[in-house]
Every structure is written in structure tokens, then in C-alpha cells.
Amino acid sequence: MRYFGLLIISVFFNIFAFASPFGNKLIVPIVEMDEDSQHYAYVPAFDLKVGESGEIIRWFNKDRSGIVAKAAVIEIKDNKAKIAFESFKGFEQKAFPIPLLTPQKGDEVIFRAFNDRAFLIAPTQEIYEKINAAYPDVTWLHPDLFAAYLMDIGHTAPVKGDFRQICLQYATGVVYLVNLNEGQVLDCQTFSVLKKDYITGRAPIQERVLPFYSRIGDVNSNWFSYIINDVKTQDYYLYFDALLKGEIKDEDATFFGRITNYFTQSIKNIF
């Protein structure tokens, strides 16, 4: 009876195949649990890449299934992919009991379930439209949704945690980020690069929108400029390059995070 709470909020994945330039849906079984740790398992590798994320599904009968955990590929060797996993909290609801299920051999792992849906982050409208037109088979979630979300939660700049949350809310698998002279298709949860292309050049500095192109326009730019004393925030490319390199942490987006950064920088300048 412990898993009924999970059943109520379980997600049922459409089994019909779709064609996506960012990777087609792949469903594989857990063939082996790691002997040395309770947090790792193995699945057939097929064409999986290190850094791809997915969900572990338990079928209770032919009609009912539930998400047991979220997973990510951390190693590929001898035609097997090693996955790390942790409990799935995407549908956490205080009104329901906490599921006590853990992954086991025979559970299914679904990768790329939503890779046909993506957020497109670009520095200008021209580049945004160019990328949008280049991938007609992708359902693009407009960046207005992301910009509005950030403003609603009071974050002055997008951090990785924001991308993870917005992708979860809108059932989105990847983020396409225009970074310097290339486009990078990123797994929305791990930020691993799944694909690169070179169909866009670098936007002129005077045309770049901060923090990214959206129809919110100047409001977005002014809001972004509130970040204190950080040259990286003054340019689209510098900011997102720093974000991908791990130089910007999730706490940097909050008010007190900005204040901490300000005083930390002040101390560095003194000494």
C-alpha cells in the first residue's frame, strides 16, 4: 500500500516514437544493480551519451506505472551504461505519503522522453528566429515563459537550478543555448552537451539582450542589471559562458547571494 501515493501522481509516458534532431526516445531495462553502492545501476548503452538524464519507471501491472527515481548516465563501458540515480521529487506533494520505492533490476529507464521540446536561449531576436527555423521538428518553448518565471521567483539572472525547474514544469528535455559562435544542445538536468552546431554567428555587442532575448525586452534588461559588481553580467556571452563553466552558482541569483558577492568582492579589492 506504500506506493499508492506515487501511483496517484505518476506520469505515464507516451509510447509512440517521435523523431527529434536532439535524440529519439529510448527505453531500456536495468540489467544489473551495482554491487558496491545502492545508488548505481547498469543499462544497455545503445547510443546513450555520458550526461544524458532520464526517469526510472516501475510497472506495477500492465496499466499502472510510476516514477521511482531520476537517473543520469555517468559512464559507458563494454556496451553498458552506468547510471547514478536519486529519488524523484518532481511531483512532491505534502498531501501524499512519501514513496519508499527504490530502483531494482527489471525497472525501465526512459531517456529523451521530451527531447522534442526545448527552450531556446539566444542573444537577439534575429538569432532566435534563425535557430527556430532551422529545427522545425522541435517544439520550442518561448523564452518569455522562462523570463516571467525568473521575475516571479525574484531571481535576477538564470542559474542552472532555474533551468532544471522550468524544464520540469513544462516537460522539456533540452535547452538550446547560443554560446559564442556555436549552438549547444544541453541536457536540461545535467547541462551536458548533447549536440553542437554552427548555424549562427556572434551577435553584435550593441544588439545583445540581457539576460537573453524575450519579448519582455527592456524590462528584462533593466531587471538583469541589478546584479551587483560583476562584469560577467554585462554581456550575454560572458554570462552564459561563466554559467556553463560553473563559475556562477545557484545562490548567486538571490538577493542575499548578490549581497554576499558584493561584500566578498569588496574584501578582495581591499586586500
Protein backbone atom coordinates (compact mmCIF):
# COMPACT_ATOMS: atom_id res chain seq x y z
CA MET A 1 0.00 0.00 0.00
CA ARG A 2 3.01 2.28 0.41
CA TYR A 3 3.22 3.10 -3.26
CA PHE A 4 -0.34 4.29 -3.84
CA GLY A 5 0.70 7.91 -3.26
CA LEU A 6 3.19 7.55 -6.07
CA LEU A 7 0.58 5.95 -8.32
CA ILE A 8 -1.74 8.93 -7.92
CA ILE A 9 0.93 11.35 -9.12
CA SER A 10 2.72 9.05 -11.54
CA VAL A 11 3.49 10.14 -15.08
CA PHE A 12 2.51 7.91 -17.97
CA PHE A 13 4.84 8.30 -20.94
CA ASN A 14 3.51 8.19 -24.48
CA ILE A 15 5.00 5.10 -26.11
CA PHE A 16 4.64 6.42 -29.65
CA ALA A 17 8.00 7.20 -31.18
CA PHE A 18 8.90 10.69 -32.32
CA ALA A 19 11.79 11.88 -34.44
CA SER A 20 13.87 14.61 -32.82
CA PRO A 21 17.14 16.09 -34.04
CA PHE A 22 18.18 16.15 -30.39
CA GLY A 23 17.75 12.40 -29.81
CA ASN A 24 14.84 9.97 -30.05
CA LYS A 25 13.16 8.41 -27.05
CA LEU A 26 14.97 5.36 -25.70
CA ILE A 27 13.55 2.89 -23.17
CA VAL A 28 16.00 0.40 -21.65
CA PRO A 29 15.80 -2.03 -18.71
CA ILE A 30 18.02 -2.04 -15.67
CA VAL A 31 20.04 -5.21 -16.27
CA GLU A 32 22.26 -5.06 -13.21
CA MET A 33 22.50 -3.27 -9.88
CA ASP A 34 25.90 -2.09 -8.71
CA GLU A 35 27.34 -4.44 -6.11
CA ASP A 36 29.29 -1.75 -4.26
CA SER A 37 26.70 1.02 -3.99
CA GLN A 38 22.96 1.45 -3.67
CA HIS A 39 23.00 4.48 -5.95
CA TYR A 40 24.20 2.96 -9.24
CA ALA A 41 22.89 0.53 -11.82
CA TYR A 42 23.58 -0.59 -15.39
CA VAL A 43 21.53 -0.47 -18.59
CA PRO A 44 22.31 -1.36 -22.24
CA ALA A 45 24.28 1.54 -23.71
CA PHE A 46 22.88 1.68 -27.27
CA ASP A 47 23.65 5.26 -28.42
CA LEU A 48 23.47 6.89 -24.97
CA LYS A 49 25.93 9.65 -24.09
CA VAL A 50 27.51 10.42 -20.74
CA GLY A 51 25.42 13.16 -19.13
CA GLU A 52 22.03 12.17 -20.53
CA SER A 53 19.30 12.08 -17.91
CA GLY A 54 16.09 10.11 -17.63
CA GLU A 55 13.46 8.63 -15.33
CA ILE A 56 13.30 5.16 -13.82
CA ILE A 57 9.85 3.62 -14.15
CA ARG A 58 8.27 0.73 -12.22
CA TRP A 59 5.35 -1.11 -13.82
CA PHE A 60 3.00 -2.41 -11.15
CA ASN A 61 0.70 -4.05 -13.69
CA LYS A 62 0.05 -3.67 -17.40
CA ASP A 63 -1.91 -0.44 -16.86
CA ARG A 64 -0.21 1.35 -13.99
CA SER A 65 3.32 2.63 -13.60
CA GLY A 66 5.13 5.21 -11.51
CA ILE A 67 8.37 7.13 -11.47
CA VAL A 68 10.76 5.55 -8.99
CA ALA A 69 13.79 7.80 -9.43
CA LYS A 70 15.62 10.16 -11.74
CA ALA A 71 18.83 8.95 -13.36
CA ALA A 72 21.84 10.15 -15.33
CA VAL A 73 24.49 8.32 -17.35
CA ILE A 74 27.92 8.68 -15.74
CA GLU A 75 29.97 6.09 -17.63
CA ILE A 76 29.79 3.93 -20.74
CA LYS A 77 31.89 0.79 -20.98
CA ASP A 78 31.58 -2.61 -22.65
CA ASN A 79 28.21 -1.74 -24.22
CA LYS A 80 26.73 -0.91 -20.83
CA ALA A 81 25.87 2.49 -19.41
CA LYS A 82 26.39 3.07 -15.71
CA ILE A 83 23.67 5.28 -14.26
CA ALA A 84 23.50 7.17 -11.00
CA PHE A 85 20.09 7.78 -9.51
CA GLU A 86 18.24 9.50 -6.70
CA SER A 87 14.63 9.78 -5.62
CA PHE A 88 12.31 11.68 -7.93
CA LYS A 89 10.90 14.85 -6.36
CA GLY A 90 9.32 16.46 -9.38
CA PHE A 91 5.79 15.77 -8.16
CA GLU A 92 6.42 16.07 -4.45
CA GLN A 93 3.14 16.74 -2.70
CA LYS A 94 2.76 17.10 1.06
CA ALA A 95 -0.76 15.67 0.91
CA PHE A 96 0.58 12.30 -0.25
CA PRO A 97 2.83 9.82 1.56
CA ILE A 98 6.49 9.72 0.57
CA PRO A 99 7.15 6.74 -1.74
CA LEU A 100 9.56 4.16 -0.33
CA LEU A 101 10.42 2.52 -3.64
CA THR A 102 13.99 2.23 -4.89
CA PRO A 103 15.21 1.13 -8.34
CA GLN A 104 15.71 -2.56 -8.95
CA LYS A 105 16.69 -4.91 -11.73
CA GLY A 106 13.97 -5.03 -14.38
CA ASP A 107 12.79 -1.44 -13.93
CA GLU A 108 12.72 0.64 -17.11
CA VAL A 109 14.74 3.78 -17.70
CA ILE A 110 13.30 6.28 -20.16
CA PHE A 111 15.75 8.66 -21.82
CA ARG A 112 14.96 11.58 -24.15
CA ALA A 113 11.24 11.43 -23.44
CA PHE A 114 10.93 15.18 -24.01
CA ASN A 115 13.83 15.93 -26.34
CA ASP A 116 11.38 17.15 -28.94
CA ARG A 117 10.60 20.08 -26.60
CA ALA A 118 13.24 22.70 -25.89
CA PHE A 119 13.88 26.16 -24.52
CA LEU A 120 15.89 28.35 -26.88
CA ILE A 121 18.19 30.89 -25.24
CA ALA A 122 19.65 33.42 -27.67
CA PRO A 123 21.13 36.94 -27.51
CA THR A 124 18.91 38.52 -30.20
CA GLN A 125 15.58 38.03 -31.90
CA GLU A 126 17.30 37.51 -35.26
CA ILE A 127 19.38 34.62 -33.97
CA TYR A 128 16.40 33.21 -32.07
CA GLU A 129 14.32 33.09 -35.24
CA LYS A 130 17.20 31.64 -37.26
CA ILE A 131 17.62 28.71 -34.87
CA ASN A 132 13.87 28.24 -34.55
CA ALA A 133 13.51 27.92 -38.33
CA ALA A 134 16.46 25.52 -38.60
CA TYR A 135 14.72 22.92 -36.39
CA PRO A 136 11.05 22.78 -37.48
CA ASP A 137 10.52 19.39 -35.81
CA VAL A 138 11.24 20.79 -32.35
CA THR A 139 8.54 22.32 -30.17
CA TRP A 140 10.18 25.50 -28.91
CA LEU A 141 9.01 26.84 -25.55
CA HIS A 142 9.17 30.61 -25.81
CA PRO A 143 11.77 32.33 -23.61
CA ASP A 144 9.03 34.67 -22.36
CA LEU A 145 7.92 31.78 -20.16
CA PHE A 146 11.37 31.50 -18.64
CA ALA A 147 11.82 35.25 -18.21
CA ALA A 148 8.45 35.53 -16.47
CA TYR A 149 9.31 32.61 -14.21
CA LEU A 150 12.60 34.21 -13.17
CA MET A 151 10.94 37.51 -12.37
CA ASP A 152 8.19 35.77 -10.43
CA ILE A 153 10.65 33.99 -8.12
CA GLY A 154 12.83 37.08 -7.75
CA HIS A 155 15.94 35.77 -9.46
CA THR A 156 17.92 38.46 -11.18
CA ALA A 157 19.71 36.05 -13.51
CA PRO A 158 19.10 32.49 -14.69
CA VAL A 159 21.11 29.79 -12.95
CA LYS A 160 21.21 26.07 -13.60
CA GLY A 161 18.62 25.31 -10.94
CA ASP A 162 16.18 27.63 -12.72
CA PHE A 163 16.63 25.77 -15.99
CA ARG A 164 16.03 22.44 -14.26
CA GLN A 165 12.85 23.69 -12.64
CA ILE A 166 11.37 25.36 -15.71
CA CYS A 167 12.11 22.27 -17.82
CA LEU A 168 10.35 20.12 -15.26
CA GLN A 169 7.32 22.40 -15.20
CA TYR A 170 6.95 22.43 -18.97
CA ALA A 171 8.01 18.82 -19.67
CA THR A 172 11.07 19.94 -21.61
CA GLY A 173 14.11 17.77 -22.22
CA VAL A 174 16.78 20.11 -23.54
CA VAL A 175 17.98 23.69 -23.61
CA TYR A 176 19.43 25.07 -26.83
CA LEU A 177 21.91 27.74 -25.80
CA VAL A 178 23.61 30.08 -28.26
CA ASN A 179 27.13 30.26 -26.84
CA LEU A 180 29.82 32.29 -28.59
CA ASN A 181 29.92 31.08 -32.23
CA GLU A 182 28.07 27.81 -31.74
CA GLY A 183 24.75 26.42 -30.67
CA GLN A 184 24.86 23.95 -27.78
CA VAL A 185 22.08 21.47 -27.11
CA LEU A 186 22.22 20.78 -23.37
CA ASP A 187 20.53 18.12 -21.28
CA CYS A 188 18.18 20.20 -19.16
CA GLN A 189 19.04 18.43 -15.90
CA THR A 190 22.79 17.74 -16.16
CA PHE A 191 23.80 20.55 -18.56
CA SER A 192 25.92 18.08 -20.51
CA VAL A 193 26.37 18.96 -24.18
CA LEU A 194 24.40 16.54 -26.37
CA LYS A 195 24.99 18.25 -29.70
CA LYS A 196 26.67 21.27 -31.24
CA ASP A 197 26.02 23.17 -34.45
CA TYR A 198 27.45 26.25 -36.12
CA ILE A 199 24.48 27.77 -37.90
CA THR A 200 24.78 31.16 -36.23
CA GLY A 201 27.43 33.84 -35.86
CA ARG A 202 28.08 36.06 -32.87
CA ALA A 203 25.62 38.89 -32.31
CA PRO A 204 26.96 42.47 -32.39
CA ILE A 205 27.52 43.76 -28.88
CA GLN A 206 25.04 46.63 -29.21
CA GLU A 207 22.24 44.22 -30.18
CA ARG A 208 22.63 41.69 -27.37
CA VAL A 209 19.68 41.44 -24.99
CA LEU A 210 20.23 40.78 -21.28
CA PRO A 211 19.90 38.25 -19.89
CA PHE A 212 18.57 36.67 -23.12
CA TYR A 213 16.16 37.52 -25.90
CA SER A 214 12.49 37.65 -24.91
CA ARG A 215 9.55 39.84 -25.75
CA ILE A 216 9.74 41.34 -22.28
CA GLY A 217 12.52 43.47 -23.76
CA ASP A 218 13.82 46.44 -21.77
CA VAL A 219 12.13 45.33 -18.57
CA ASN A 220 14.17 42.17 -18.69
CA SER A 221 17.41 44.04 -19.34
CA ASN A 222 16.87 46.51 -16.51
CA TRP A 223 15.96 43.76 -14.11
CA PHE A 224 19.09 41.81 -15.05
CA SER A 225 21.34 44.81 -14.47
CA TYR A 226 20.55 44.77 -10.75
CA ILE A 227 23.26 42.17 -10.16
CA ILE A 228 25.97 43.91 -8.22
CA ASN A 229 29.56 44.49 -9.33
CA ASP A 230 30.08 41.59 -11.73
CA VAL A 231 31.44 42.27 -15.20
CA LYS A 232 30.19 38.87 -16.44
CA THR A 233 26.61 40.07 -16.16
CA GLN A 234 27.18 42.95 -18.56
CA ASP A 235 27.31 40.71 -21.61
CA TYR A 236 25.15 37.79 -22.76
CA TYR A 237 28.08 35.65 -23.93
CA LEU A 238 30.26 36.26 -20.89
CA TYR A 239 27.43 35.40 -18.54
CA PHE A 240 26.37 32.12 -20.09
CA ASP A 241 29.94 31.01 -20.69
CA ALA A 242 30.62 31.55 -16.98
CA LEU A 243 27.41 29.72 -16.08
CA LEU A 244 28.38 26.64 -18.10
CA LYS A 245 31.87 26.65 -16.60
CA GLY A 246 30.39 26.51 -13.09
CA GLU A 247 31.58 29.99 -12.15
CA ILE A 248 28.04 31.09 -11.28
CA LYS A 249 26.25 29.19 -8.53
CA ASP A 250 22.54 28.84 -7.91
CA GLU A 251 22.70 31.05 -4.83
CA ASP A 252 24.12 33.91 -6.94
CA ALA A 253 20.63 34.58 -8.32
CA THR A 254 19.11 35.51 -4.99
CA PHE A 255 19.13 38.91 -3.30
CA PHE A 256 21.33 37.79 -0.41
CA GLY A 257 23.55 35.92 -2.84
CA ARG A 258 24.18 39.20 -4.68
CA ILE A 259 24.87 40.99 -1.42
CA THR A 260 27.33 38.28 -0.38
CA ASN A 261 29.10 38.53 -3.72
CA TYR A 262 29.29 42.30 -3.34
CA PHE A 263 30.95 42.16 0.07
CA THR A 264 33.21 39.29 -0.97
CA GLN A 265 34.42 41.33 -3.94
CA SER A 266 34.87 44.39 -1.73
CA ILE A 267 37.13 42.42 0.62
CA LYS A 268 39.17 41.13 -2.33
CA ASN A 269 39.64 44.70 -3.56
CA ILE A 270 40.84 45.85 -0.13
CA PHE A 271 43.43 43.13 0.23
